[in-house]
Amino acid sequence: MTFRKNIKTQMMLSAGLSALLGTATLSAQQEAEVAEVPFAFHAQQQTFPAGEYRVSEKNSSSVFQLTGPEGKSIFVSAPLLETTDPQKPHLTFTRYSGEYVLSAISMPGNDVGHAVSQSAIDKNLTHKIVLAARVSVPLKAR
């Protein structure tokens, strides 16, 4: 009899935990912002095409997920902090000649933006080209 109660309790706890995690996942998906990036860009040693990108912060730990137009996702660690306007969420890119590199992510309602660590591509472009410009693409609620 006790064995059956333990199994029943474990099943109920598992069902409750699944419901809770499902709700958390759904909530996180609803908090994603969208950016229409009009140019190809580099991030995490990869090149991404122009298009609509969904951006969501994962567990408030300076890790962001970007999901592109073809469903391809990357996780970007952005541990460096910078001051930003909480009313103007955006992605910031550094432009070296015709090449764009993701350099910062600013989410809505947060006055602290997250700068992406300089990648090998970024460093390589910096050495080749002295002049660089910063370009911001606004994030909009989905």
N, C-alpha and C. Protein backbone atom coordinates (compact mmCIF):
# COMPACT_ATOMS: atom_id res chain seq x y z
N MET A 1 0.82 -1.18 0.00
CA MET A 1 0.00 0.00 0.00
C MET A 1 0.87 1.26 0.00
N THR A 2 1.93 1.31 0.80
CA THR A 2 2.82 2.46 0.88
C THR A 2 3.56 2.66 -0.45
N PHE A 3 3.94 1.58 -1.07
CA PHE A 3 4.63 1.63 -2.35
C PHE A 3 3.75 2.31 -3.40
N ARG A 4 2.47 1.95 -3.43
CA ARG A 4 1.52 2.57 -4.38
C ARG A 4 1.34 4.06 -4.10
N LYS A 5 1.32 4.44 -2.83
CA LYS A 5 1.18 5.85 -2.46
C LYS A 5 2.41 6.64 -2.93
N ASN A 6 3.59 6.04 -2.77
CA ASN A 6 4.82 6.70 -3.21
C ASN A 6 4.82 6.90 -4.72
N ILE A 7 4.39 5.91 -5.45
CA ILE A 7 4.34 6.03 -6.91
C ILE A 7 3.33 7.09 -7.30
N LYS A 8 2.18 7.07 -6.65
CA LYS A 8 1.14 8.05 -6.95
C LYS A 8 1.64 9.47 -6.63
N THR A 9 2.31 9.63 -5.52
CA THR A 9 2.87 10.95 -5.14
C THR A 9 3.91 11.40 -6.16
N GLN A 10 4.78 10.49 -6.57
CA GLN A 10 5.81 10.84 -7.55
C GLN A 10 5.19 11.24 -8.88
N MET A 11 4.13 10.54 -9.28
CA MET A 11 3.45 10.87 -10.53
C MET A 11 2.82 12.26 -10.45
N MET A 12 2.21 12.56 -9.31
CA MET A 12 1.58 13.87 -9.15
C MET A 12 2.63 14.98 -9.14
N LEU A 13 3.76 14.74 -8.45
CA LEU A 13 4.83 15.73 -8.43
C LEU A 13 5.40 15.94 -9.83
N SER A 14 5.57 14.86 -10.58
CA SER A 14 6.09 14.96 -11.95
C SER A 14 5.14 15.74 -12.83
N ALA A 15 3.85 15.48 -12.70
CA ALA A 15 2.85 16.21 -13.50
C ALA A 15 2.86 17.69 -13.14
N GLY A 16 2.94 17.99 -11.86
CA GLY A 16 2.98 19.39 -11.43
C GLY A 16 4.23 20.10 -11.92
N LEU A 17 5.38 19.42 -11.83
CA LEU A 17 6.63 20.00 -12.30
C LEU A 17 6.59 20.22 -13.81
N SER A 18 6.04 19.27 -14.54
CA SER A 18 5.92 19.41 -16.00
C SER A 18 5.05 20.61 -16.35
N ALA A 19 3.95 20.76 -15.64
CA ALA A 19 3.06 21.90 -15.89
C ALA A 19 3.77 23.21 -15.59
N LEU A 20 4.52 23.24 -14.49
CA LEU A 20 5.25 24.44 -14.11
C LEU A 20 6.31 24.79 -15.14
N LEU A 21 7.09 23.80 -15.56
CA LEU A 21 8.13 24.04 -16.56
C LEU A 21 7.53 24.44 -17.90
N GLY A 22 6.42 23.83 -18.27
CA GLY A 22 5.74 24.19 -19.51
C GLY A 22 5.29 25.63 -19.48
N THR A 23 4.76 26.07 -18.35
CA THR A 23 4.32 27.46 -18.20
C THR A 23 5.51 28.40 -18.26
N ALA A 24 6.62 28.03 -17.63
CA ALA A 24 7.82 28.88 -17.66
C ALA A 24 8.35 29.00 -19.08
N THR A 25 8.34 27.89 -19.82
CA THR A 25 8.81 27.92 -21.20
C THR A 25 7.91 28.80 -22.05
N LEU A 26 6.60 28.65 -21.89
CA LEU A 26 5.66 29.45 -22.65
C LEU A 26 5.83 30.93 -22.30
N SER A 27 6.02 31.22 -21.03
CA SER A 27 6.22 32.61 -20.59
C SER A 27 7.48 33.19 -21.21
N ALA A 28 8.55 32.40 -21.23
CA ALA A 28 9.81 32.88 -21.81
C ALA A 28 9.63 33.14 -23.30
N GLN A 29 8.86 32.29 -23.98
CA GLN A 29 8.65 32.49 -25.40
C GLN A 29 7.86 33.78 -25.65
N GLN A 30 6.96 34.14 -24.77
CA GLN A 30 6.15 35.32 -24.94
C GLN A 30 6.97 36.59 -24.72
N GLU A 31 8.07 36.50 -24.00
CA GLU A 31 8.88 37.66 -23.70
C GLU A 31 9.92 37.97 -24.78
N ALA A 32 9.92 37.21 -25.86
CA ALA A 32 10.89 37.44 -26.93
C ALA A 32 10.59 38.75 -27.65
N GLU A 33 11.64 39.42 -28.04
CA GLU A 33 11.55 40.64 -28.83
C GLU A 33 11.96 40.29 -30.26
N VAL A 34 11.60 41.14 -31.20
CA VAL A 34 11.89 40.87 -32.60
C VAL A 34 12.67 42.04 -33.20
N ALA A 35 13.68 41.71 -33.99
CA ALA A 35 14.46 42.73 -34.71
C ALA A 35 14.48 42.36 -36.19
N GLU A 36 14.24 43.35 -37.03
CA GLU A 36 14.37 43.16 -38.47
C GLU A 36 15.76 43.65 -38.85
N VAL A 37 16.69 42.72 -39.03
CA VAL A 37 18.08 43.07 -39.32
C VAL A 37 18.23 43.14 -40.85
N PRO A 38 18.53 44.32 -41.39
CA PRO A 38 18.54 44.50 -42.84
C PRO A 38 19.85 44.10 -43.54
N PHE A 39 20.74 43.46 -42.81
CA PHE A 39 22.04 43.09 -43.39
C PHE A 39 22.51 41.77 -42.77
N ALA A 40 23.40 41.09 -43.48
CA ALA A 40 24.03 39.88 -42.93
C ALA A 40 24.99 40.32 -41.83
N PHE A 41 25.20 39.45 -40.83
CA PHE A 41 26.09 39.83 -39.73
C PHE A 41 26.78 38.60 -39.17
N HIS A 42 27.82 38.86 -38.37
CA HIS A 42 28.59 37.80 -37.71
C HIS A 42 28.26 37.78 -36.23
N ALA A 43 28.17 36.57 -35.67
CA ALA A 43 28.01 36.37 -34.22
C ALA A 43 28.44 34.94 -33.91
N GLN A 44 29.14 34.77 -32.81
CA GLN A 44 29.59 33.43 -32.38
C GLN A 44 30.33 32.69 -33.49
N GLN A 45 31.19 33.38 -34.19
CA GLN A 45 32.03 32.80 -35.24
C GLN A 45 31.23 32.28 -36.43
N GLN A 46 29.99 32.75 -36.59
CA GLN A 46 29.15 32.33 -37.71
C GLN A 46 28.62 33.57 -38.44
N THR A 47 28.19 33.38 -39.68
CA THR A 47 27.57 34.45 -40.44
C THR A 47 26.08 34.16 -40.58
N PHE A 48 25.26 35.20 -40.37
CA PHE A 48 23.81 35.06 -40.42
C PHE A 48 23.23 35.98 -41.48
N PRO A 49 22.19 35.53 -42.17
CA PRO A 49 21.59 36.36 -43.22
C PRO A 49 20.73 37.48 -42.65
N ALA A 50 20.43 38.45 -43.47
CA ALA A 50 19.48 39.50 -43.09
C ALA A 50 18.12 38.83 -42.86
N GLY A 51 17.30 39.45 -42.01
CA GLY A 51 15.97 38.91 -41.78
C GLY A 51 15.46 39.22 -40.39
N GLU A 52 14.34 38.60 -40.05
CA GLU A 52 13.72 38.82 -38.74
C GLU A 52 14.34 37.86 -37.72
N TYR A 53 14.75 38.41 -36.58
CA TYR A 53 15.36 37.63 -35.51
C TYR A 53 14.58 37.81 -34.22
N ARG A 54 14.23 36.69 -33.60
CA ARG A 54 13.62 36.72 -32.26
C ARG A 54 14.74 36.69 -31.25
N VAL A 55 14.66 37.57 -30.26
CA VAL A 55 15.70 37.67 -29.24
C VAL A 55 15.07 37.46 -27.88
N SER A 56 15.61 36.53 -27.11
CA SER A 56 15.10 36.32 -25.75
C SER A 56 16.27 36.09 -24.80
N GLU A 57 16.10 36.60 -23.58
CA GLU A 57 17.14 36.42 -22.56
C GLU A 57 16.84 35.14 -21.81
N LYS A 58 17.85 34.35 -21.57
CA LYS A 58 17.69 33.07 -20.89
C LYS A 58 18.10 33.18 -19.44
N ASN A 59 17.18 32.99 -18.53
CA ASN A 59 17.43 32.94 -17.09
C ASN A 59 18.14 34.17 -16.53
N SER A 60 17.98 35.32 -17.15
CA SER A 60 18.61 36.57 -16.69
C SER A 60 20.09 36.39 -16.36
N SER A 61 20.77 35.62 -17.18
CA SER A 61 22.18 35.32 -16.89
C SER A 61 23.11 35.83 -17.98
N SER A 62 22.71 36.87 -18.69
CA SER A 62 23.53 37.43 -19.76
C SER A 62 23.73 36.47 -20.93
N VAL A 63 22.82 35.51 -21.06
CA VAL A 63 22.83 34.61 -22.20
C VAL A 63 21.55 34.87 -22.99
N PHE A 64 21.70 35.11 -24.27
CA PHE A 64 20.58 35.43 -25.14
C PHE A 64 20.46 34.41 -26.25
N GLN A 65 19.23 34.14 -26.64
CA GLN A 65 18.99 33.25 -27.78
C GLN A 65 18.47 34.09 -28.93
N LEU A 66 19.12 33.97 -30.08
CA LEU A 66 18.67 34.63 -31.29
C LEU A 66 18.20 33.54 -32.24
N THR A 67 16.96 33.66 -32.71
CA THR A 67 16.41 32.70 -33.65
C THR A 67 16.15 33.42 -34.95
N GLY A 68 16.77 32.92 -36.01
CA GLY A 68 16.72 33.60 -37.30
C GLY A 68 15.56 33.21 -38.17
N PRO A 69 15.55 33.77 -39.39
CA PRO A 69 14.43 33.57 -40.32
C PRO A 69 14.25 32.12 -40.75
N GLU A 70 15.27 31.33 -40.71
CA GLU A 70 15.18 29.93 -41.12
C GLU A 70 15.05 28.99 -39.92
N GLY A 71 14.79 29.56 -38.73
CA GLY A 71 14.63 28.76 -37.52
C GLY A 71 15.95 28.40 -36.86
N LYS A 72 17.06 28.82 -37.44
CA LYS A 72 18.38 28.54 -36.87
C LYS A 72 18.58 29.41 -35.63
N SER A 73 18.98 28.80 -34.52
CA SER A 73 19.19 29.54 -33.28
C SER A 73 20.65 29.50 -32.85
N ILE A 74 21.06 30.58 -32.20
CA ILE A 74 22.37 30.59 -31.55
C ILE A 74 22.18 31.17 -30.16
N PHE A 75 23.09 30.82 -29.29
CA PHE A 75 23.11 31.39 -27.95
C PHE A 75 24.32 32.31 -27.88
N VAL A 76 24.08 33.52 -27.42
CA VAL A 76 25.14 34.52 -27.35
C VAL A 76 25.34 34.89 -25.89
N SER A 77 26.57 34.77 -25.44
CA SER A 77 26.92 35.21 -24.10
C SER A 77 27.34 36.67 -24.19
N ALA A 78 26.69 37.49 -23.38
CA ALA A 78 27.00 38.92 -23.38
C ALA A 78 27.23 39.38 -21.94
N PRO A 79 28.40 39.05 -21.38
CA PRO A 79 28.65 39.30 -19.96
C PRO A 79 29.03 40.74 -19.60
N LEU A 80 29.43 41.51 -20.57
CA LEU A 80 29.89 42.87 -20.28
C LEU A 80 28.69 43.81 -20.22
N LEU A 81 28.66 44.68 -19.22
CA LEU A 81 27.52 45.57 -19.03
C LEU A 81 27.81 46.98 -19.53
N GLU A 82 26.76 47.63 -20.06
CA GLU A 82 26.87 49.02 -20.48
C GLU A 82 25.52 49.70 -20.23
N THR A 83 25.54 51.00 -20.00
CA THR A 83 24.31 51.75 -19.73
C THR A 83 23.53 51.92 -21.03
N THR A 84 22.19 51.77 -20.92
CA THR A 84 21.33 51.90 -22.09
C THR A 84 19.98 52.48 -21.69
N ASP A 85 19.20 52.89 -22.65
CA ASP A 85 17.86 53.44 -22.41
C ASP A 85 16.85 52.30 -22.36
N PRO A 86 16.18 52.07 -21.22
CA PRO A 86 15.24 50.95 -21.10
C PRO A 86 14.02 51.08 -22.01
N GLN A 87 13.77 52.27 -22.53
CA GLN A 87 12.64 52.50 -23.43
C GLN A 87 12.98 52.24 -24.90
N LYS A 88 14.27 51.98 -25.17
CA LYS A 88 14.70 51.79 -26.56
C LYS A 88 15.52 50.50 -26.70
N PRO A 89 14.87 49.35 -26.59
CA PRO A 89 15.62 48.10 -26.74
C PRO A 89 16.14 47.95 -28.18
N HIS A 90 17.32 47.37 -28.30
CA HIS A 90 17.91 47.25 -29.63
C HIS A 90 19.07 46.26 -29.64
N LEU A 91 19.44 45.87 -30.84
CA LEU A 91 20.67 45.13 -31.08
C LEU A 91 21.67 46.15 -31.62
N THR A 92 22.89 46.07 -31.20
CA THR A 92 23.92 46.97 -31.72
C THR A 92 24.94 46.13 -32.47
N PHE A 93 25.31 46.64 -33.63
CA PHE A 93 26.31 45.98 -34.47
C PHE A 93 27.46 46.95 -34.69
N THR A 94 28.66 46.42 -34.78
CA THR A 94 29.81 47.24 -35.17
C THR A 94 30.05 46.95 -36.64
N ARG A 95 30.15 48.02 -37.42
CA ARG A 95 30.34 47.87 -38.87
C ARG A 95 31.78 48.19 -39.23
N TYR A 96 32.43 47.26 -39.85
CA TYR A 96 33.79 47.43 -40.35
C TYR A 96 33.69 47.36 -41.87
N SER A 97 33.79 48.49 -42.53
CA SER A 97 33.59 48.55 -43.97
C SER A 97 32.21 47.98 -44.26
N GLY A 98 32.07 46.86 -44.95
CA GLY A 98 30.75 46.30 -45.24
C GLY A 98 30.39 45.12 -44.37
N GLU A 99 31.18 44.84 -43.35
CA GLU A 99 30.94 43.69 -42.47
C GLU A 99 30.34 44.15 -41.14
N TYR A 100 29.30 43.44 -40.67
CA TYR A 100 28.64 43.78 -39.41
C TYR A 100 28.87 42.66 -38.40
N VAL A 101 29.15 43.05 -37.16
CA VAL A 101 29.37 42.09 -36.08
C VAL A 101 28.47 42.47 -34.91
N LEU A 102 27.69 41.52 -34.39
CA LEU A 102 26.84 41.79 -33.24
C LEU A 102 27.73 42.19 -32.06
N SER A 103 27.44 43.36 -31.46
CA SER A 103 28.30 43.82 -30.38
C SER A 103 27.58 44.08 -29.07
N ALA A 104 26.24 44.25 -29.07
CA ALA A 104 25.52 44.47 -27.82
C ALA A 104 24.03 44.16 -27.98
N ILE A 105 23.41 43.81 -26.86
CA ILE A 105 21.98 43.52 -26.81
C ILE A 105 21.38 44.30 -25.65
N SER A 106 20.35 45.10 -25.95
CA SER A 106 19.66 45.88 -24.92
C SER A 106 18.19 45.48 -24.95
N MET A 107 17.71 44.90 -23.86
CA MET A 107 16.33 44.43 -23.78
C MET A 107 15.45 45.51 -23.15
N PRO A 108 14.13 45.46 -23.40
CA PRO A 108 13.23 46.48 -22.86
C PRO A 108 13.12 46.43 -21.34
N GLY A 109 12.91 47.61 -20.74
CA GLY A 109 12.71 47.69 -19.30
C GLY A 109 13.96 47.51 -18.47
N ASN A 110 15.11 47.50 -19.11
CA ASN A 110 16.37 47.30 -18.40
C ASN A 110 17.33 48.40 -18.79
N ASP A 111 17.86 49.14 -17.81
CA ASP A 111 18.78 50.23 -18.13
C ASP A 111 20.23 49.76 -18.26
N VAL A 112 20.42 48.46 -18.22
CA VAL A 112 21.74 47.89 -18.42
C VAL A 112 21.71 47.00 -19.66
N GLY A 113 22.52 47.37 -20.64
CA GLY A 113 22.65 46.56 -21.85
C GLY A 113 23.77 45.55 -21.66
N HIS A 114 23.86 44.61 -22.57
CA HIS A 114 24.86 43.56 -22.47
C HIS A 114 25.74 43.58 -23.71
N ALA A 115 27.01 43.87 -23.51
CA ALA A 115 27.97 43.90 -24.61
C ALA A 115 28.51 42.49 -24.85
N VAL A 116 28.59 42.14 -26.12
CA VAL A 116 29.10 40.83 -26.51
C VAL A 116 30.62 40.90 -26.55
N SER A 117 31.27 39.87 -26.02
CA SER A 117 32.73 39.83 -26.05
C SER A 117 33.22 39.85 -27.49
N GLN A 118 34.34 40.48 -27.71
CA GLN A 118 34.89 40.57 -29.06
C GLN A 118 35.29 39.19 -29.56
N SER A 119 34.79 38.84 -30.73
CA SER A 119 35.07 37.52 -31.31
C SER A 119 36.33 37.57 -32.16
N ALA A 120 36.76 36.41 -32.62
CA ALA A 120 37.94 36.33 -33.49
C ALA A 120 37.67 37.08 -34.80
N ILE A 121 36.43 36.99 -35.32
CA ILE A 121 36.08 37.72 -36.55
C ILE A 121 36.19 39.21 -36.29
N ASP A 122 35.65 39.66 -35.16
CA ASP A 122 35.70 41.07 -34.78
C ASP A 122 37.15 41.54 -34.68
N LYS A 123 37.98 40.77 -34.01
CA LYS A 123 39.39 41.14 -33.85
C LYS A 123 40.10 41.19 -35.20
N ASN A 124 39.81 40.23 -36.07
CA ASN A 124 40.42 40.18 -37.39
C ASN A 124 40.03 41.41 -38.21
N LEU A 125 38.74 41.78 -38.18
CA LEU A 125 38.29 42.96 -38.91
C LEU A 125 38.88 44.23 -38.34
N THR A 126 39.04 44.29 -37.03
CA THR A 126 39.63 45.46 -36.37
C THR A 126 41.06 45.68 -36.86
N HIS A 127 41.81 44.60 -37.03
CA HIS A 127 43.20 44.72 -37.48
C HIS A 127 43.28 45.13 -38.95
N LYS A 128 42.32 44.72 -39.76
CA LYS A 128 42.34 45.05 -41.17
C LYS A 128 41.86 46.47 -41.45
N ILE A 129 40.87 46.91 -40.70
CA ILE A 129 40.24 48.20 -40.96
C ILE A 129 40.27 49.05 -39.69
N VAL A 130 40.76 50.24 -39.78
CA VAL A 130 40.88 51.09 -38.60
C VAL A 130 39.54 51.71 -38.23
N LEU A 131 38.74 52.15 -39.18
CA LEU A 131 37.48 52.84 -38.91
C LEU A 131 36.35 51.84 -38.71
N ALA A 132 35.54 52.12 -37.71
CA ALA A 132 34.37 51.29 -37.43
C ALA A 132 33.22 52.21 -37.03
N ALA A 133 32.01 51.77 -37.27
CA ALA A 133 30.82 52.53 -36.88
C ALA A 133 29.87 51.59 -36.15
N ARG A 134 29.06 52.16 -35.24
CA ARG A 134 28.06 51.36 -34.52
C ARG A 134 26.70 51.60 -35.16
N VAL A 135 25.95 50.52 -35.36
CA VAL A 135 24.62 50.59 -35.97
C VAL A 135 23.64 49.89 -35.04
N SER A 136 22.50 50.55 -34.74
CA SER A 136 21.49 49.96 -33.86
C SER A 136 20.27 49.55 -34.68
N VAL A 137 19.71 48.39 -34.35
CA VAL A 137 18.49 47.89 -34.95
C VAL A 137 17.49 47.74 -33.81
N PRO A 138 16.33 48.42 -33.87
CA PRO A 138 15.37 48.37 -32.76
C PRO A 138 14.76 46.99 -32.56
N LEU A 139 14.48 46.66 -31.30
CA LEU A 139 13.75 45.45 -30.94
C LEU A 139 12.31 45.85 -30.68
N LYS A 140 11.37 45.02 -31.12
CA LYS A 140 9.96 45.29 -30.92
C LYS A 140 9.30 44.08 -30.27
N ALA A 141 8.31 44.34 -29.44
CA ALA A 141 7.58 43.23 -28.80
C ALA A 141 6.88 42.42 -29.87
N ARG A 142 6.86 41.17 -29.67
CA ARG A 142 6.22 40.25 -30.63
C ARG A 142 4.75 40.23 -30.42
